[in-house]
């Protein structure tokens, strides 16, 4: 199955990996299904899921 996962970010954005290292990035792939699963248990993740859905809708 296919999922839309691309969220474009400002050119100066940095991504922190699991080791705490920061990397300059211009895009990040986000698995929106993971946010949906976690949103069932955690309120902050529910808010993030709604933000992602709005961003993806705006890209279409």
PDB file of N, CA and C in Angstrom:
ATOM      1  N   UNK A   1       0.840  -1.182   0.000  1.00  0.00           N
ATOM      2  CA  UNK A   1       0.000   0.000   0.000  1.00  0.00           C
ATOM      3  C   UNK A   1       0.883   1.242   0.000  1.00  0.00           C
ATOM      4  N   UNK A   2       0.341   2.341  -0.458  1.00  0.00           N
ATOM      5  CA  UNK A   2       1.086   3.592  -0.537  1.00  0.00           C
ATOM      6  C   UNK A   2       0.570   4.567   0.506  1.00  0.00           C
ATOM      7  N   UNK A   3       1.496   5.337   1.058  1.00  0.00           N
ATOM      8  CA  UNK A   3       1.141   6.377   2.016  1.00  0.00           C
ATOM      9  C   UNK A   3       1.810   7.672   1.600  1.00  0.00           C
ATOM     10  N   UNK A   4       1.134   8.775   1.824  1.00  0.00           N
ATOM     11  CA  UNK A   4       1.759  10.076   1.612  1.00  0.00           C
ATOM     12  C   UNK A   4       2.489  10.440   2.895  1.00  0.00           C
ATOM     13  N   UNK A   5       3.781  10.708   2.785  1.00  0.00           N
ATOM     14  CA  UNK A   5       4.561  10.947   3.995  1.00  0.00           C
ATOM     15  C   UNK A   5       5.467  12.178   3.919  1.00  0.00           C
ATOM     16  N   UNK A   6       5.560  12.837   2.794  1.00  0.00           N
ATOM     17  CA  UNK A   6       6.522  13.924   2.636  1.00  0.00           C
ATOM     18  C   UNK A   6       5.976  15.225   3.208  1.00  0.00           C
ATOM     19  N   UNK A   7       6.737  15.834   4.085  1.00  0.00           N
ATOM     20  CA  UNK A   7       6.416  17.157   4.612  1.00  0.00           C
ATOM     21  C   UNK A   7       7.624  18.040   4.350  1.00  0.00           C
ATOM     22  N   UNK A   8       7.441  19.096   3.574  1.00  0.00           N
ATOM     23  CA  UNK A   8       8.560  19.982   3.249  1.00  0.00           C
ATOM     24  C   UNK A   8       8.749  20.977   4.388  1.00  0.00           C
ATOM     25  N   UNK A   9      10.020  21.216   4.741  1.00  0.00           N
ATOM     26  CA  UNK A   9      10.368  22.089   5.849  1.00  0.00           C
ATOM     27  C   UNK A   9      11.220  23.247   5.356  1.00  0.00           C
ATOM     28  N   UNK A  10      11.343  24.314   6.156  1.00  0.00           N
ATOM     29  CA  UNK A  10      12.251  25.407   5.775  1.00  0.00           C
ATOM     30  C   UNK A  10      13.678  24.887   5.600  1.00  0.00           C
ATOM     31  N   UNK A  11      14.451  25.548   4.744  1.00  0.00           N
ATOM     32  CA  UNK A  11      15.803  25.078   4.419  1.00  0.00           C
ATOM     33  C   UNK A  11      16.726  25.026   5.632  1.00  0.00           C
ATOM     34  N   UNK A  12      16.471  25.840   6.633  1.00  0.00           N
ATOM     35  CA  UNK A  12      17.350  25.888   7.802  1.00  0.00           C
ATOM     36  C   UNK A  12      16.965  24.872   8.869  1.00  0.00           C
ATOM     37  N   UNK A  13      15.963  24.062   8.638  1.00  0.00           N
ATOM     38  CA  UNK A  13      15.472  23.130   9.657  1.00  0.00           C
ATOM     39  C   UNK A  13      16.508  22.056   9.967  1.00  0.00           C
ATOM     40  N   UNK A  14      16.558  21.649  11.225  1.00  0.00           N
ATOM     41  CA  UNK A  14      17.452  20.568  11.636  1.00  0.00           C
ATOM     42  C   UNK A  14      16.635  19.426  12.215  1.00  0.00           C
ATOM     43  N   UNK A  15      17.126  18.229  12.013  1.00  0.00           N
ATOM     44  CA  UNK A  15      16.477  17.021  12.524  1.00  0.00           C
ATOM     45  C   UNK A  15      17.424  16.379  13.521  1.00  0.00           C
ATOM     46  N   UNK A  16      16.902  16.008  14.693  1.00  0.00           N
ATOM     47  CA  UNK A  16      17.738  15.363  15.705  1.00  0.00           C
ATOM     48  C   UNK A  16      17.492  13.864  15.669  1.00  0.00           C
ATOM     49  N   UNK A  17      18.570  13.099  15.467  1.00  0.00           N
ATOM     50  CA  UNK A  17      18.424  11.645  15.409  1.00  0.00           C
ATOM     51  C   UNK A  17      18.401  11.049  16.819  1.00  0.00           C
ATOM     52  N   UNK A  18      18.276   9.739  16.897  1.00  0.00           N
ATOM     53  CA  UNK A  18      18.144   9.071  18.191  1.00  0.00           C
ATOM     54  C   UNK A  18      19.410   9.170  19.047  1.00  0.00           C
ATOM     55  N   UNK A  19      20.550   9.507  18.422  1.00  0.00           N
ATOM     56  CA  UNK A  19      21.801   9.690  19.165  1.00  0.00           C
ATOM     57  C   UNK A  19      21.992  11.134  19.633  1.00  0.00           C
ATOM     58  N   UNK A  20      21.034  11.988  19.329  1.00  0.00           N
ATOM     59  CA  UNK A  20      21.128  13.387  19.733  1.00  0.00           C
ATOM     60  C   UNK A  20      21.894  14.267  18.771  1.00  0.00           C
ATOM     61  N   UNK A  21      22.316  13.716  17.627  1.00  0.00           N
ATOM     62  CA  UNK A  21      23.040  14.491  16.618  1.00  0.00           C
ATOM     63  C   UNK A  21      22.042  15.260  15.756  1.00  0.00           C
ATOM     64  N   UNK A  22      22.372  16.519  15.460  1.00  0.00           N
ATOM     65  CA  UNK A  22      21.495  17.339  14.617  1.00  0.00           C
ATOM     66  C   UNK A  22      22.015  17.351  13.183  1.00  0.00           C
ATOM     67  N   UNK A  23      21.093  17.271  12.228  1.00  0.00           N
ATOM     68  CA  UNK A  23      21.428  17.244  10.807  1.00  0.00           C
ATOM     69  C   UNK A  23      20.574  18.281  10.086  1.00  0.00           C
ATOM     70  N   UNK A  24      21.196  19.044   9.168  1.00  0.00           N
ATOM     71  CA  UNK A  24      20.434  19.974   8.349  1.00  0.00           C
ATOM     72  C   UNK A  24      19.632  19.185   7.327  1.00  0.00           C
ATOM     73  N   UNK A  25      18.365  19.507   7.199  1.00  0.00           N
ATOM     74  CA  UNK A  25      17.499  18.808   6.252  1.00  0.00           C
ATOM     75  C   UNK A  25      16.582  19.809   5.558  1.00  0.00           C
ATOM     76  N   UNK A  26      16.096  19.458   4.371  1.00  0.00           N
ATOM     77  CA  UNK A  26      15.089  20.282   3.720  1.00  0.00           C
ATOM     78  C   UNK A  26      13.764  19.543   3.584  1.00  0.00           C
ATOM     79  N   UNK A  27      13.734  18.280   4.011  1.00  0.00           N
ATOM     80  CA  UNK A  27      12.477  17.541   4.060  1.00  0.00           C
ATOM     81  C   UNK A  27      12.628  16.381   5.027  1.00  0.00           C
ATOM     82  N   UNK A  28      11.524  15.924   5.532  1.00  0.00           N
ATOM     83  CA  UNK A  28      11.501  14.786   6.445  1.00  0.00           C
ATOM     84  C   UNK A  28      10.311  13.921   6.072  1.00  0.00           C
ATOM     85  N   UNK A  29      10.521  12.618   5.945  1.00  0.00           N
ATOM     86  CA  UNK A  29       9.417  11.688   5.707  1.00  0.00           C
ATOM     87  C   UNK A  29       8.814  11.316   7.058  1.00  0.00           C
ATOM     88  N   UNK A  30       7.518  11.489   7.179  1.00  0.00           N
ATOM     89  CA  UNK A  30       6.828  11.206   8.432  1.00  0.00           C
ATOM     90  C   UNK A  30       5.758  10.163   8.172  1.00  0.00           C
ATOM     91  N   UNK A  31       5.783   9.102   8.923  1.00  0.00           N
ATOM     92  CA  UNK A  31       4.775   8.052   8.807  1.00  0.00           C
ATOM     93  C   UNK A  31       3.530   8.501   9.561  1.00  0.00           C
ATOM     94  N   UNK A  32       2.534   8.990   8.846  1.00  0.00           N
ATOM     95  CA  UNK A  32       1.330   9.497   9.499  1.00  0.00           C
ATOM     96  C   UNK A  32       0.533   8.394  10.169  1.00  0.00           C
ATOM     97  N   UNK A  33       0.700   7.159   9.748  1.00  0.00           N
ATOM     98  CA  UNK A  33       0.004   6.053  10.402  1.00  0.00           C
ATOM     99  C   UNK A  33       0.535   5.855  11.817  1.00  0.00           C
ATOM    100  N   UNK A  34       1.832   6.083  12.016  1.00  0.00           N
ATOM    101  CA  UNK A  34       2.390   5.954  13.365  1.00  0.00           C
ATOM    102  C   UNK A  34       1.768   6.995  14.287  1.00  0.00           C
ATOM    103  N   UNK A  35       1.616   8.203  13.803  1.00  0.00           N
ATOM    104  CA  UNK A  35       0.982   9.239  14.622  1.00  0.00           C
ATOM    105  C   UNK A  35      -0.441   8.847  14.984  1.00  0.00           C
ATOM    106  N   UNK A  36      -1.151   8.228  14.053  1.00  0.00           N
ATOM    107  CA  UNK A  36      -2.518   7.779  14.332  1.00  0.00           C
ATOM    108  C   UNK A  36      -2.541   6.732  15.430  1.00  0.00           C
ATOM    109  N   UNK A  37      -1.617   5.787  15.360  1.00  0.00           N
ATOM    110  CA  UNK A  37      -1.573   4.730  16.378  1.00  0.00           C
ATOM    111  C   UNK A  37      -1.227   5.292  17.747  1.00  0.00           C
ATOM    112  N   UNK A  38      -0.252   6.183  17.794  1.00  0.00           N
ATOM    113  CA  UNK A  38       0.153   6.757  19.081  1.00  0.00           C
ATOM    114  C   UNK A  38      -0.888   7.729  19.616  1.00  0.00           C
ATOM    115  N   UNK A  39      -1.638   8.377  18.730  1.00  0.00           N
ATOM    116  CA  UNK A  39      -2.638   9.350  19.156  1.00  0.00           C
ATOM    117  C   UNK A  39      -3.726   8.713  20.003  1.00  0.00           C
ATOM    118  N   UNK A  40      -3.930   7.425  19.822  1.00  0.00           N
ATOM    119  CA  UNK A  40      -4.935   6.745  20.626  1.00  0.00           C
ATOM    120  C   UNK A  40      -4.539   6.717  22.097  1.00  0.00           C
ATOM    121  N   UNK A  41      -3.244   6.780  22.389  1.00  0.00           N
ATOM    122  CA  UNK A  41      -2.773   6.675  23.771  1.00  0.00           C
ATOM    123  C   UNK A  41      -2.296   8.003  24.361  1.00  0.00           C
ATOM    124  N   UNK A  42      -1.835   8.927  23.519  1.00  0.00           N
ATOM    125  CA  UNK A  42      -1.211  10.146  24.030  1.00  0.00           C
ATOM    126  C   UNK A  42      -1.838  11.391  23.413  1.00  0.00           C
ATOM    127  N   UNK A  43      -2.351  12.299  24.241  1.00  0.00           N
ATOM    128  CA  UNK A  43      -3.001  13.520  23.756  1.00  0.00           C
ATOM    129  C   UNK A  43      -2.072  14.401  22.918  1.00  0.00           C
ATOM    130  N   UNK A  44      -0.789  14.613  23.305  1.00  0.00           N
ATOM    131  CA  UNK A  44       0.091  15.442  22.461  1.00  0.00           C
ATOM    132  C   UNK A  44       0.265  14.854  21.056  1.00  0.00           C
ATOM    133  N   UNK A  45       0.289  13.526  20.950  1.00  0.00           N
ATOM    134  CA  UNK A  45       0.413  12.895  19.638  1.00  0.00           C
ATOM    135  C   UNK A  45      -0.850  13.100  18.816  1.00  0.00           C
ATOM    136  N   UNK A  46      -1.992  13.171  19.458  1.00  0.00           N
ATOM    137  CA  UNK A  46      -3.250  13.437  18.748  1.00  0.00           C
ATOM    138  C   UNK A  46      -3.199  14.825  18.125  1.00  0.00           C
ATOM    139  N   UNK A  47      -2.709  15.809  18.885  1.00  0.00           N
ATOM    140  CA  UNK A  47      -2.589  17.166  18.331  1.00  0.00           C
ATOM    141  C   UNK A  47      -1.622  17.181  17.151  1.00  0.00           C
ATOM    142  N   UNK A  48      -0.498  16.462  17.270  1.00  0.00           N
ATOM    143  CA  UNK A  48       0.482  16.404  16.180  1.00  0.00           C
ATOM    144  C   UNK A  48      -0.115  15.731  14.950  1.00  0.00           C
ATOM    145  N   UNK A  49      -0.898  14.696  15.161  1.00  0.00           N
ATOM    146  CA  UNK A  49      -1.542  14.011  14.043  1.00  0.00           C
ATOM    147  C   UNK A  49      -2.460  14.970  13.298  1.00  0.00           C
ATOM    148  N   UNK A  50      -3.227  15.757  14.020  1.00  0.00           N
ATOM    149  CA  UNK A  50      -4.126  16.712  13.374  1.00  0.00           C
ATOM    150  C   UNK A  50      -3.340  17.765  12.593  1.00  0.00           C
ATOM    151  N   UNK A  51      -2.209  18.221  13.139  1.00  0.00           N
ATOM    152  CA  UNK A  51      -1.364  19.175  12.426  1.00  0.00           C
ATOM    153  C   UNK A  51      -0.837  18.572  11.127  1.00  0.00           C
ATOM    154  N   UNK A  52      -0.384  17.321  11.181  1.00  0.00           N
ATOM    155  CA  UNK A  52       0.132  16.652   9.984  1.00  0.00           C
ATOM    156  C   UNK A  52      -0.951  16.495   8.930  1.00  0.00           C
ATOM    157  N   UNK A  53      -2.150  16.145   9.345  1.00  0.00           N
ATOM    158  CA  UNK A  53      -3.244  15.984   8.393  1.00  0.00           C
ATOM    159  C   UNK A  53      -3.542  17.296   7.693  1.00  0.00           C
ATOM    160  N   UNK A  54      -3.516  18.405   8.424  1.00  0.00           N
ATOM    161  CA  UNK A  54      -3.753  19.709   7.816  1.00  0.00           C
ATOM    162  C   UNK A  54      -2.648  20.070   6.836  1.00  0.00           C
ATOM    163  N   UNK A  55      -1.389  19.793   7.205  1.00  0.00           N
ATOM    164  CA  UNK A  55      -0.274  20.084   6.303  1.00  0.00           C
ATOM    165  C   UNK A  55      -0.364  19.257   5.026  1.00  0.00           C
ATOM    166  N   UNK A  56      -0.685  17.992   5.145  1.00  0.00           N
ATOM    167  CA  UNK A  56      -0.803  17.132   3.965  1.00  0.00           C
ATOM    168  C   UNK A  56      -1.954  17.583   3.075  1.00  0.00           C
ATOM    169  N   UNK A  57      -3.055  17.985   3.682  1.00  0.00           N
ATOM    170  CA  UNK A  57      -4.197  18.461   2.898  1.00  0.00           C
ATOM    171  C   UNK A  57      -3.817  19.718   2.126  1.00  0.00           C
ATOM    172  N   UNK A  58      -3.057  20.616   2.759  1.00  0.00           N
ATOM    173  CA  UNK A  58      -2.644  21.855   2.102  1.00  0.00           C
ATOM    174  C   UNK A  58      -1.690  21.603   0.935  1.00  0.00           C
ATOM    175  N   UNK A  59      -0.929  20.502   0.968  1.00  0.00           N
ATOM    176  CA  UNK A  59      -0.001  20.179  -0.114  1.00  0.00           C
ATOM    177  C   UNK A  59      -0.698  19.636  -1.352  1.00  0.00           C
ATOM    178  N   UNK A  60      -1.908  19.172  -1.202  1.00  0.00           N
ATOM    179  CA  UNK A  60      -2.608  18.547  -2.336  1.00  0.00           C
ATOM    180  C   UNK A  60      -3.130  19.578  -3.300  1.00  0.00           C
TER     181      UNK A  60
END
